Amino acid sequence: MHALVRLVKKTVEAYVRKGEVFQPKRLTAEMKEQAGVFVSIHKLDELRGCIGTFEPQHDNVAEEIVANAISSASRDPRFLPVTKGELKHLEYSIDVLTRPELVESQ
């Protein structure tokens, strides 16, 4: 499992099980960068939550992931918050965005 996906999983599980915000002990180089991040949660191949930011709102990708993972699991207005009983059925994906580029129109 990729380190970023593992961070999403640990964050969602800590928040749903204990109401705690997971704090990673070590950050990879990728986690130290700044970028917008989208976190998606699926349950049995169906979308269960998806929240993200196009531009960074936090100091680094790790903080962006933690914030968006919690929001995806608990604040997506389309779904009820994820429950403990669902955790074993969840799959996670993450999209780390590049900086927006200006596009000229004709």
PDB file of N, CA and C in Angstrom:
ATOM      1  N   MET A   1       0.852  -1.178   0.000  1.00  0.00           N
ATOM      2  CA  MET A   1       0.000   0.000   0.000  1.00  0.00           C
ATOM      3  C   MET A   1       0.900   1.244   0.000  1.00  0.00           C
ATOM      4  N   HIS A   2       0.603   2.163  -0.871  1.00  0.00           N
ATOM      5  CA  HIS A   2       1.373   3.410  -0.980  1.00  0.00           C
ATOM      6  C   HIS A   2       1.263   4.206   0.321  1.00  0.00           C
ATOM      7  N   ALA A   3       2.324   4.910   0.669  1.00  0.00           N
ATOM      8  CA  ALA A   3       2.370   5.663   1.933  1.00  0.00           C
ATOM      9  C   ALA A   3       1.230   6.675   2.057  1.00  0.00           C
ATOM     10  N   LEU A   4       0.841   7.311   0.962  1.00  0.00           N
ATOM     11  CA  LEU A   4      -0.247   8.298   1.039  1.00  0.00           C
ATOM     12  C   LEU A   4      -1.592   7.619   1.300  1.00  0.00           C
ATOM     13  N   VAL A   5      -1.817   6.485   0.668  1.00  0.00           N
ATOM     14  CA  VAL A   5      -3.062   5.737   0.899  1.00  0.00           C
ATOM     15  C   VAL A   5      -3.080   5.200   2.323  1.00  0.00           C
ATOM     16  N   ARG A   6      -1.930   4.735   2.797  1.00  0.00           N
ATOM     17  CA  ARG A   6      -1.837   4.252   4.185  1.00  0.00           C
ATOM     18  C   ARG A   6      -2.173   5.379   5.165  1.00  0.00           C
ATOM     19  N   LEU A   7      -1.727   6.601   4.867  1.00  0.00           N
ATOM     20  CA  LEU A   7      -2.042   7.748   5.724  1.00  0.00           C
ATOM     21  C   LEU A   7      -3.543   8.012   5.741  1.00  0.00           C
ATOM     22  N   VAL A   8      -4.192   7.919   4.590  1.00  0.00           N
ATOM     23  CA  VAL A   8      -5.652   8.088   4.538  1.00  0.00           C
ATOM     24  C   VAL A   8      -6.327   7.034   5.408  1.00  0.00           C
ATOM     25  N   LYS A   9      -5.943   5.785   5.231  1.00  0.00           N
ATOM     26  CA  LYS A   9      -6.562   4.674   5.980  1.00  0.00           C
ATOM     27  C   LYS A   9      -6.389   4.859   7.487  1.00  0.00           C
ATOM     28  N   LYS A  10      -5.169   5.149   7.925  1.00  0.00           N
ATOM     29  CA  LYS A  10      -4.923   5.341   9.356  1.00  0.00           C
ATOM     30  C   LYS A  10      -5.709   6.532   9.895  1.00  0.00           C
ATOM     31  N   THR A  11      -5.806   7.584   9.109  1.00  0.00           N
ATOM     32  CA  THR A  11      -6.543   8.776   9.537  1.00  0.00           C
ATOM     33  C   THR A  11      -8.023   8.473   9.710  1.00  0.00           C
ATOM     34  N   VAL A  12      -8.628   7.844   8.713  1.00  0.00           N
ATOM     35  CA  VAL A  12     -10.061   7.522   8.781  1.00  0.00           C
ATOM     36  C   VAL A  12     -10.328   6.577   9.947  1.00  0.00           C
ATOM     37  N   GLU A  13      -9.513   5.552  10.110  1.00  0.00           N
ATOM     38  CA  GLU A  13      -9.737   4.589  11.190  1.00  0.00           C
ATOM     39  C   GLU A  13      -9.588   5.233  12.564  1.00  0.00           C
ATOM     40  N   ALA A  14      -8.588   6.077  12.756  1.00  0.00           N
ATOM     41  CA  ALA A  14      -8.409   6.749  14.053  1.00  0.00           C
ATOM     42  C   ALA A  14      -9.580   7.675  14.349  1.00  0.00           C
ATOM     43  N   TYR A  15     -10.046   8.380  13.334  1.00  0.00           N
ATOM     44  CA  TYR A  15     -11.137   9.333  13.542  1.00  0.00           C
ATOM     45  C   TYR A  15     -12.459   8.606  13.812  1.00  0.00           C
ATOM     46  N   VAL A  16     -12.750   7.585  13.036  1.00  0.00           N
ATOM     47  CA  VAL A  16     -14.025   6.868  13.195  1.00  0.00           C
ATOM     48  C   VAL A  16     -14.038   6.061  14.492  1.00  0.00           C
ATOM     49  N   ARG A  17     -12.939   5.401  14.821  1.00  0.00           N
ATOM     50  CA  ARG A  17     -12.903   4.557  16.023  1.00  0.00           C
ATOM     51  C   ARG A  17     -12.814   5.352  17.316  1.00  0.00           C
ATOM     52  N   LYS A  18     -11.985   6.413  17.327  1.00  0.00           N
ATOM     53  CA  LYS A  18     -11.693   7.099  18.588  1.00  0.00           C
ATOM     54  C   LYS A  18     -11.973   8.593  18.575  1.00  0.00           C
ATOM     55  N   GLY A  19     -12.362   9.132  17.426  1.00  0.00           N
ATOM     56  CA  GLY A  19     -12.557  10.575  17.333  1.00  0.00           C
ATOM     57  C   GLY A  19     -11.251  11.344  17.388  1.00  0.00           C
ATOM     58  N   GLU A  20     -10.140  10.664  17.087  1.00  0.00           N
ATOM     59  CA  GLU A  20      -8.818  11.285  17.160  1.00  0.00           C
ATOM     60  C   GLU A  20      -8.323  11.671  15.774  1.00  0.00           C
ATOM     61  N   VAL A  21      -7.529  12.731  15.733  1.00  0.00           N
ATOM     62  CA  VAL A  21      -6.896  13.157  14.488  1.00  0.00           C
ATOM     63  C   VAL A  21      -5.513  12.513  14.430  1.00  0.00           C
ATOM     64  N   PHE A  22      -5.309  11.642  13.466  1.00  0.00           N
ATOM     65  CA  PHE A  22      -4.036  10.931  13.321  1.00  0.00           C
ATOM     66  C   PHE A  22      -2.929  11.907  12.946  1.00  0.00           C
ATOM     67  N   GLN A  23      -1.797  11.767  13.607  1.00  0.00           N
ATOM     68  CA  GLN A  23      -0.618  12.593  13.326  1.00  0.00           C
ATOM     69  C   GLN A  23       0.514  11.673  12.879  1.00  0.00           C
ATOM     70  N   PRO A  24       0.903  11.726  11.610  1.00  0.00           N
ATOM     71  CA  PRO A  24       1.995  10.857  11.165  1.00  0.00           C
ATOM     72  C   PRO A  24       3.305  11.216  11.855  1.00  0.00           C
ATOM     73  N   LYS A  25       4.084  10.193  12.181  1.00  0.00           N
ATOM     74  CA  LYS A  25       5.357  10.421  12.881  1.00  0.00           C
ATOM     75  C   LYS A  25       6.454  10.871  11.928  1.00  0.00           C
ATOM     76  N   ARG A  26       6.481  10.272  10.741  1.00  0.00           N
ATOM     77  CA  ARG A  26       7.499  10.634   9.755  1.00  0.00           C
ATOM     78  C   ARG A  26       6.823  10.967   8.432  1.00  0.00           C
ATOM     79  N   LEU A  27       7.336  11.987   7.776  1.00  0.00           N
ATOM     80  CA  LEU A  27       6.786  12.394   6.487  1.00  0.00           C
ATOM     81  C   LEU A  27       7.752  12.026   5.367  1.00  0.00           C
ATOM     82  N   THR A  28       7.208  11.452   4.302  1.00  0.00           N
ATOM     83  CA  THR A  28       8.013  11.205   3.113  1.00  0.00           C
ATOM     84  C   THR A  28       8.234  12.545   2.412  1.00  0.00           C
ATOM     85  N   ALA A  29       9.129  12.564   1.450  1.00  0.00           N
ATOM     86  CA  ALA A  29       9.383  13.799   0.694  1.00  0.00           C
ATOM     87  C   ALA A  29       8.095  14.294   0.040  1.00  0.00           C
ATOM     88  N   GLU A  30       7.308  13.369  -0.496  1.00  0.00           N
ATOM     89  CA  GLU A  30       6.047  13.731  -1.147  1.00  0.00           C
ATOM     90  C   GLU A  30       5.068  14.369  -0.155  1.00  0.00           C
ATOM     91  N   MET A  31       5.060  13.889   1.070  1.00  0.00           N
ATOM     92  CA  MET A  31       4.156  14.429   2.094  1.00  0.00           C
ATOM     93  C   MET A  31       4.553  15.830   2.540  1.00  0.00           C
ATOM     94  N   LYS A  32       5.806  16.199   2.326  1.00  0.00           N
ATOM     95  CA  LYS A  32       6.288  17.517   2.752  1.00  0.00           C
ATOM     96  C   LYS A  32       5.976  18.616   1.737  1.00  0.00           C
ATOM     97  N   GLU A  33       5.594  18.230   0.532  1.00  0.00           N
ATOM     98  CA  GLU A  33       5.277  19.205  -0.506  1.00  0.00           C
ATOM     99  C   GLU A  33       3.938  19.876  -0.214  1.00  0.00           C
ATOM    100  N   GLN A  34       3.616  20.897  -0.992  1.00  0.00           N
ATOM    101  CA  GLN A  34       2.308  21.545  -0.897  1.00  0.00           C
ATOM    102  C   GLN A  34       1.538  21.259  -2.170  1.00  0.00           C
ATOM    103  N   ALA A  35       0.287  20.833  -2.020  1.00  0.00           N
ATOM    104  CA  ALA A  35      -0.551  20.545  -3.179  1.00  0.00           C
ATOM    105  C   ALA A  35      -1.990  20.378  -2.732  1.00  0.00           C
ATOM    106  N   GLY A  36      -2.895  20.576  -3.667  1.00  0.00           N
ATOM    107  CA  GLY A  36      -4.286  20.225  -3.430  1.00  0.00           C
ATOM    108  C   GLY A  36      -4.412  18.709  -3.444  1.00  0.00           C
ATOM    109  N   VAL A  37      -5.378  18.194  -2.699  1.00  0.00           N
ATOM    110  CA  VAL A  37      -5.533  16.747  -2.545  1.00  0.00           C
ATOM    111  C   VAL A  37      -7.017  16.399  -2.520  1.00  0.00           C
ATOM    112  N   PHE A  38      -7.387  15.336  -3.219  1.00  0.00           N
ATOM    113  CA  PHE A  38      -8.731  14.777  -3.122  1.00  0.00           C
ATOM    114  C   PHE A  38      -8.633  13.388  -2.519  1.00  0.00           C
ATOM    115  N   VAL A  39      -9.477  13.110  -1.539  1.00  0.00           N
ATOM    116  CA  VAL A  39      -9.538  11.797  -0.901  1.00  0.00           C
ATOM    117  C   VAL A  39     -10.902  11.191  -1.214  1.00  0.00           C
ATOM    118  N   SER A  40     -10.883   9.985  -1.784  1.00  0.00           N
ATOM    119  CA  SER A  40     -12.120   9.265  -2.104  1.00  0.00           C
ATOM    120  C   SER A  40     -12.186   7.982  -1.290  1.00  0.00           C
ATOM    121  N   ILE A  41     -13.380   7.691  -0.814  1.00  0.00           N
ATOM    122  CA  ILE A  41     -13.631   6.460  -0.064  1.00  0.00           C
ATOM    123  C   ILE A  41     -14.708   5.684  -0.814  1.00  0.00           C
ATOM    124  N   HIS A  42     -14.449   4.400  -1.031  1.00  0.00           N
ATOM    125  CA  HIS A  42     -15.427   3.526  -1.679  1.00  0.00           C
ATOM    126  C   HIS A  42     -15.759   2.364  -0.749  1.00  0.00           C
ATOM    127  N   LYS A  43     -17.011   1.953  -0.803  1.00  0.00           N
ATOM    128  CA  LYS A  43     -17.466   0.782  -0.048  1.00  0.00           C
ATOM    129  C   LYS A  43     -18.140  -0.152  -1.041  1.00  0.00           C
ATOM    130  N   LEU A  44     -17.577  -1.345  -1.193  1.00  0.00           N
ATOM    131  CA  LEU A  44     -18.116  -2.340  -2.122  1.00  0.00           C
ATOM    132  C   LEU A  44     -18.318  -1.733  -3.513  1.00  0.00           C
ATOM    133  N   ASP A  45     -17.301  -1.054  -3.989  1.00  0.00           N
ATOM    134  CA  ASP A  45     -17.247  -0.434  -5.320  1.00  0.00           C
ATOM    135  C   ASP A  45     -18.203   0.746  -5.514  1.00  0.00           C
ATOM    136  N   GLU A  46     -18.810   1.233  -4.457  1.00  0.00           N
ATOM    137  CA  GLU A  46     -19.684   2.409  -4.530  1.00  0.00           C
ATOM    138  C   GLU A  46     -19.032   3.567  -3.784  1.00  0.00           C
ATOM    139  N   LEU A  47     -19.161   4.768  -4.326  1.00  0.00           N
ATOM    140  CA  LEU A  47     -18.612   5.937  -3.653  1.00  0.00           C
ATOM    141  C   LEU A  47     -19.237   6.082  -2.275  1.00  0.00           C
ATOM    142  N   ARG A  48     -18.399   6.332  -1.279  1.00  0.00           N
ATOM    143  CA  ARG A  48     -18.864   6.487   0.109  1.00  0.00           C
ATOM    144  C   ARG A  48     -18.540   7.872   0.655  1.00  0.00           C
ATOM    145  N   GLY A  49     -17.606   8.559  -0.004  1.00  0.00           N
ATOM    146  CA  GLY A  49     -17.245   9.912   0.394  1.00  0.00           C
ATOM    147  C   GLY A  49     -16.119  10.421  -0.484  1.00  0.00           C
ATOM    148  N   CYS A  50     -16.133  11.709  -0.773  1.00  0.00           N
ATOM    149  CA  CYS A  50     -15.057  12.312  -1.563  1.00  0.00           C
ATOM    150  C   CYS A  50     -15.020  13.802  -1.254  1.00  0.00           C
ATOM    151  N   ILE A  51     -13.901  14.246  -0.742  1.00  0.00           N
ATOM    152  CA  ILE A  51     -13.700  15.662  -0.421  1.00  0.00           C
ATOM    153  C   ILE A  51     -12.280  16.019  -0.834  1.00  0.00           C
ATOM    154  N   GLY A  52     -12.111  17.228  -1.335  1.00  0.00           N
ATOM    155  CA  GLY A  52     -10.768  17.636  -1.708  1.00  0.00           C
ATOM    156  C   GLY A  52     -10.622  19.131  -1.865  1.00  0.00           C
ATOM    157  N   THR A  53      -9.401  19.509  -2.160  1.00  0.00           N
ATOM    158  CA  THR A  53      -9.054  20.912  -2.360  1.00  0.00           C
ATOM    159  C   THR A  53      -8.255  21.024  -3.654  1.00  0.00           C
ATOM    160  N   PHE A  54      -8.596  22.016  -4.472  1.00  0.00           N
ATOM    161  CA  PHE A  54      -7.864  22.231  -5.722  1.00  0.00           C
ATOM    162  C   PHE A  54      -6.510  22.876  -5.460  1.00  0.00           C
ATOM    163  N   GLU A  55      -6.462  23.727  -4.464  1.00  0.00           N
ATOM    164  CA  GLU A  55      -5.211  24.372  -4.079  1.00  0.00           C
ATOM    165  C   GLU A  55      -4.971  24.095  -2.599  1.00  0.00           C
ATOM    166  N   PRO A  56      -3.708  24.053  -2.180  1.00  0.00           N
ATOM    167  CA  PRO A  56      -3.407  23.703  -0.791  1.00  0.00           C
ATOM    168  C   PRO A  56      -4.015  24.670   0.215  1.00  0.00           C
ATOM    169  N   GLN A  57      -4.548  24.102   1.276  1.00  0.00           N
ATOM    170  CA  GLN A  57      -5.106  24.870   2.384  1.00  0.00           C
ATOM    171  C   GLN A  57      -4.269  24.691   3.649  1.00  0.00           C
ATOM    172  N   HIS A  58      -3.301  23.789   3.590  1.00  0.00           N
ATOM    173  CA  HIS A  58      -2.476  23.446   4.749  1.00  0.00           C
ATOM    174  C   HIS A  58      -1.000  23.546   4.386  1.00  0.00           C
ATOM    175  N   ASP A  59      -0.143  23.368   5.378  1.00  0.00           N
ATOM    176  CA  ASP A  59       1.299  23.539   5.180  1.00  0.00           C
ATOM    177  C   ASP A  59       1.939  22.472   4.299  1.00  0.00           C
ATOM    178  N   ASN A  60       1.354  21.277   4.262  1.00  0.00           N
ATOM    179  CA  ASN A  60       1.952  20.211   3.457  1.00  0.00           C
ATOM    180  C   ASN A  60       0.898  19.179   3.058  1.00  0.00           C
ATOM    181  N   VAL A  61       1.292  18.287   2.165  1.00  0.00           N
ATOM    182  CA  VAL A  61       0.383  17.263   1.651  1.00  0.00           C
ATOM    183  C   VAL A  61      -0.133  16.362   2.772  1.00  0.00           C
ATOM    184  N   ALA A  62       0.700  16.036   3.742  1.00  0.00           N
ATOM    185  CA  ALA A  62       0.255  15.181   4.851  1.00  0.00           C
ATOM    186  C   ALA A  62      -0.909  15.823   5.600  1.00  0.00           C
ATOM    187  N   GLU A  63      -0.792  17.102   5.927  1.00  0.00           N
ATOM    188  CA  GLU A  63      -1.881  17.796   6.628  1.00  0.00           C
ATOM    189  C   GLU A  63      -3.119  17.898   5.742  1.00  0.00           C
ATOM    190  N   GLU A  64      -2.915  18.093   4.460  1.00  0.00           N
ATOM    191  CA  GLU A  64      -4.024  18.162   3.501  1.00  0.00           C
ATOM    192  C   GLU A  64      -4.762  16.826   3.467  1.00  0.00           C
ATOM    193  N   ILE A  65      -4.000  15.735   3.449  1.00  0.00           N
ATOM    194  CA  ILE A  65      -4.588  14.396   3.432  1.00  0.00           C
ATOM    195  C   ILE A  65      -5.385  14.142   4.702  1.00  0.00           C
ATOM    196  N   VAL A  66      -4.818  14.447   5.844  1.00  0.00           N
ATOM    197  CA  VAL A  66      -5.505  14.216   7.117  1.00  0.00           C
ATOM    198  C   VAL A  66      -6.825  14.985   7.149  1.00  0.00           C
ATOM    199  N   ALA A  67      -6.798  16.253   6.798  1.00  0.00           N
ATOM    200  CA  ALA A  67      -8.020  17.071   6.825  1.00  0.00           C
ATOM    201  C   ALA A  67      -9.064  16.542   5.848  1.00  0.00           C
ATOM    202  N   ASN A  68      -8.647  16.205   4.636  1.00  0.00           N
ATOM    203  CA  ASN A  68      -9.608  15.760   3.634  1.00  0.00           C
ATOM    204  C   ASN A  68     -10.081  14.331   3.869  1.00  0.00           C
ATOM    205  N   ALA A  69      -9.256  13.500   4.476  1.00  0.00           N
ATOM    206  CA  ALA A  69      -9.689  12.142   4.820  1.00  0.00           C
ATOM    207  C   ALA A  69     -10.790  12.190   5.879  1.00  0.00           C
ATOM    208  N   ILE A  70     -10.603  13.028   6.882  1.00  0.00           N
ATOM    209  CA  ILE A  70     -11.628  13.180   7.923  1.00  0.00           C
ATOM    210  C   ILE A  70     -12.909  13.740   7.321  1.00  0.00           C
ATOM    211  N   SER A  71     -12.777  14.750   6.482  1.00  0.00           N
ATOM    212  CA  SER A  71     -13.963  15.340   5.849  1.00  0.00           C
ATOM    213  C   SER A  71     -14.662  14.345   4.936  1.00  0.00           C
ATOM    214  N   SER A  72     -13.900  13.569   4.191  1.00  0.00           N
ATOM    215  CA  SER A  72     -14.483  12.583   3.295  1.00  0.00           C
ATOM    216  C   SER A  72     -15.272  11.526   4.066  1.00  0.00           C
ATOM    217  N   ALA A  73     -14.768  11.146   5.230  1.00  0.00           N
ATOM    218  CA  ALA A  73     -15.427  10.122   6.054  1.00  0.00           C
ATOM    219  C   ALA A  73     -16.582  10.667   6.878  1.00  0.00           C
ATOM    220  N   SER A  74     -16.587  11.964   7.144  1.00  0.00           N
ATOM    221  CA  SER A  74     -17.576  12.471   8.103  1.00  0.00           C
ATOM    222  C   SER A  74     -18.373  13.700   7.655  1.00  0.00           C
ATOM    223  N   ARG A  75     -17.935  14.387   6.600  1.00  0.00           N
ATOM    224  CA  ARG A  75     -18.593  15.648   6.253  1.00  0.00           C
ATOM    225  C   ARG A  75     -19.052  15.758   4.803  1.00  0.00           C
ATOM    226  N   ASP A  76     -18.968  14.678   4.049  1.00  0.00           N
ATOM    227  CA  ASP A  76     -19.483  14.734   2.684  1.00  0.00           C
ATOM    228  C   ASP A  76     -21.004  14.820   2.797  1.00  0.00           C
ATOM    229  N   PRO A  77     -21.609  15.917   2.326  1.00  0.00           N
ATOM    230  CA  PRO A  77     -23.049  16.113   2.538  1.00  0.00           C
ATOM    231  C   PRO A  77     -23.934  15.089   1.828  1.00  0.00           C
ATOM    232  N   ARG A  78     -23.370  14.321   0.940  1.00  0.00           N
ATOM    233  CA  ARG A  78     -24.161  13.317   0.210  1.00  0.00           C
ATOM    234  C   ARG A  78     -24.366  12.032   1.002  1.00  0.00           C
ATOM    235  N   PHE A  79     -23.578  11.865   2.090  1.00  0.00           N
ATOM    236  CA  PHE A  79     -23.582  10.596   2.820  1.00  0.00           C
ATOM    237  C   PHE A  79     -23.616  10.827   4.325  1.00  0.00           C
ATOM    238  N   LEU A  80     -24.102   9.832   5.059  1.00  0.00           N
ATOM    239  CA  LEU A  80     -23.965   9.832   6.511  1.00  0.00           C
ATOM    240  C   LEU A  80     -22.503   9.552   6.847  1.00  0.00           C
ATOM    241  N   PRO A  81     -22.044   9.947   8.029  1.00  0.00           N
ATOM    242  CA  PRO A  81     -20.657   9.652   8.404  1.00  0.00           C
ATOM    243  C   PRO A  81     -20.365   8.147   8.402  1.00  0.00           C
ATOM    244  N   VAL A  82     -19.136   7.808   8.063  1.00  0.00           N
ATOM    245  CA  VAL A  82     -18.686   6.413   8.080  1.00  0.00           C
ATOM    246  C   VAL A  82     -18.768   5.882   9.509  1.00  0.00           C
ATOM    247  N   THR A  83     -19.191   4.626   9.645  1.00  0.00           N
ATOM    248  CA  THR A  83     -19.298   3.993  10.960  1.00  0.00           C
ATOM    249  C   THR A  83     -18.177   2.965  11.152  1.00  0.00           C
ATOM    250  N   LYS A  84     -17.957   2.578  12.396  1.00  0.00           N
ATOM    251  CA  LYS A  84     -16.928   1.576  12.710  1.00  0.00           C
ATOM    252  C   LYS A  84     -17.164   0.277  11.946  1.00  0.00           C
ATOM    253  N   GLY A  85     -18.422  -0.124  11.845  1.00  0.00           N
ATOM    254  CA  GLY A  85     -18.748  -1.375  11.167  1.00  0.00           C
ATOM    255  C   GLY A  85     -18.428  -1.379   9.681  1.00  0.00           C
ATOM    256  N   GLU A  86     -18.292  -0.210   9.096  1.00  0.00           N
ATOM    257  CA  GLU A  86     -17.981  -0.122   7.668  1.00  0.00           C
ATOM    258  C   GLU A  86     -16.487  -0.195   7.368  1.00  0.00           C
ATOM    259  N   LEU A  87     -15.652   0.068   8.349  1.00  0.00           N
ATOM    260  CA  LEU A  87     -14.219   0.231   8.105  1.00  0.00           C
ATOM    261  C   LEU A  87     -13.592  -0.930   7.337  1.00  0.00           C
ATOM    262  N   LYS A  88     -13.982  -2.154   7.658  1.00  0.00           N
ATOM    263  CA  LYS A  88     -13.365  -3.316   7.008  1.00  0.00           C
ATOM    264  C   LYS A  88     -13.755  -3.443   5.537  1.00  0.00           C
ATOM    265  N   HIS A  89     -14.772  -2.711   5.106  1.00  0.00           N
ATOM    266  CA  HIS A  89     -15.245  -2.788   3.723  1.00  0.00           C
ATOM    267  C   HIS A  89     -14.771  -1.621   2.860  1.00  0.00           C
ATOM    268  N   LEU A  90     -13.979  -0.725   3.419  1.00  0.00           N
ATOM    269  CA  LEU A  90     -13.620   0.497   2.703  1.00  0.00           C
ATOM    270  C   LEU A  90     -12.335   0.358   1.900  1.00  0.00           C
ATOM    271  N   GLU A  91     -12.328   1.050   0.775  1.00  0.00           N
ATOM    272  CA  GLU A  91     -11.128   1.202  -0.046  1.00  0.00           C
ATOM    273  C   GLU A  91     -10.900   2.693  -0.211  1.00  0.00           C
ATOM    274  N   TYR A  92      -9.637   3.076  -0.305  1.00  0.00           N
ATOM    275  CA  TYR A  92      -9.278   4.489  -0.329  1.00  0.00           C
ATOM    276  C   TYR A  92      -8.473   4.814  -1.576  1.00  0.00           C
ATOM    277  N   SER A  93      -8.696   6.007  -2.103  1.00  0.00           N
ATOM    278  CA  SER A  93      -7.840   6.508  -3.180  1.00  0.00           C
ATOM    279  C   SER A  93      -7.563   7.976  -2.924  1.00  0.00           C
ATOM    280  N   ILE A  94      -6.458   8.425  -3.473  1.00  0.00           N
ATOM    281  CA  ILE A  94      -6.040   9.800  -3.253  1.00  0.00           C
ATOM    282  C   ILE A  94      -5.498  10.362  -4.558  1.00  0.00           C
ATOM    283  N   ASP A  95      -5.831  11.609  -4.815  1.00  0.00           N
ATOM    284  CA  ASP A  95      -5.308  12.328  -5.968  1.00  0.00           C
ATOM    285  C   ASP A  95      -4.585  13.560  -5.457  1.00  0.00           C
ATOM    286  N   VAL A  96      -3.297  13.636  -5.763  1.00  0.00           N
ATOM    287  CA  VAL A  96      -2.500  14.807  -5.414  1.00  0.00           C
ATOM    288  C   VAL A  96      -2.388  15.635  -6.686  1.00  0.00           C
ATOM    289  N   LEU A  97      -2.859  16.863  -6.623  1.00  0.00           N
ATOM    290  CA  LEU A  97      -2.946  17.704  -7.815  1.00  0.00           C
ATOM    291  C   LEU A  97      -1.671  18.498  -8.055  1.00  0.00           C
ATOM    292  N   THR A  98      -1.403  18.751  -9.320  1.00  0.00           N
ATOM    293  CA  THR A  98      -0.309  19.653  -9.667  1.00  0.00           C
ATOM    294  C   THR A  98      -0.841  21.084  -9.606  1.00  0.00           C
ATOM    295  N   ARG A  99       0.053  22.027  -9.654  1.00  0.00           N
ATOM    296  CA  ARG A  99      -0.353  23.435  -9.618  1.00  0.00           C
ATOM    297  C   ARG A  99      -1.196  23.747 -10.857  1.00  0.00           C
ATOM    298  N   PRO A 100      -2.233  24.569 -10.695  1.00  0.00           N
ATOM    299  CA  PRO A 100      -3.049  24.950 -11.857  1.00  0.00           C
ATOM    300  C   PRO A 100      -2.207  25.692 -12.899  1.00  0.00           C
ATOM    301  N   GLU A 101      -2.547  25.478 -14.145  1.00  0.00           N
ATOM    302  CA  GLU A 101      -1.866  26.166 -15.232  1.00  0.00           C
ATOM    303  C   GLU A 101      -2.850  27.069 -15.953  1.00  0.00           C
ATOM    304  N   LEU A 102      -2.374  28.207 -16.391  1.00  0.00           N
ATOM    305  CA  LEU A 102      -3.188  29.137 -17.159  1.00  0.00           C
ATOM    306  C   LEU A 102      -3.392  28.573 -18.560  1.00  0.00           C
ATOM    307  N   VAL A 103      -4.620  28.553 -19.015  1.00  0.00           N
ATOM    308  CA  VAL A 103      -4.947  28.072 -20.350  1.00  0.00           C
ATOM    309  C   VAL A 103      -5.528  29.236 -21.132  1.00  0.00           C
ATOM    310  N   GLU A 104      -4.966  29.484 -22.297  1.00  0.00           N
ATOM    311  CA  GLU A 104      -5.474  30.571 -23.126  1.00  0.00           C
ATOM    312  C   GLU A 104      -6.628  30.062 -23.968  1.00  0.00           C
ATOM    313  N   SER A 105      -7.678  30.860 -24.057  1.00  0.00           N
ATOM    314  CA  SER A 105      -8.812  30.478 -24.897  1.00  0.00           C
ATOM    315  C   SER A 105      -8.741  31.262 -26.203  1.00  0.00           C
ATOM    316  N   GLN A 106      -9.346  30.726 -27.222  1.00  0.00           N
ATOM    317  CA  GLN A 106      -9.319  31.392 -28.530  1.00  0.00           C
ATOM    318  C   GLN A 106     -10.652  31.979 -28.868  1.00  0.00           C
TER     319      GLN A 106
END
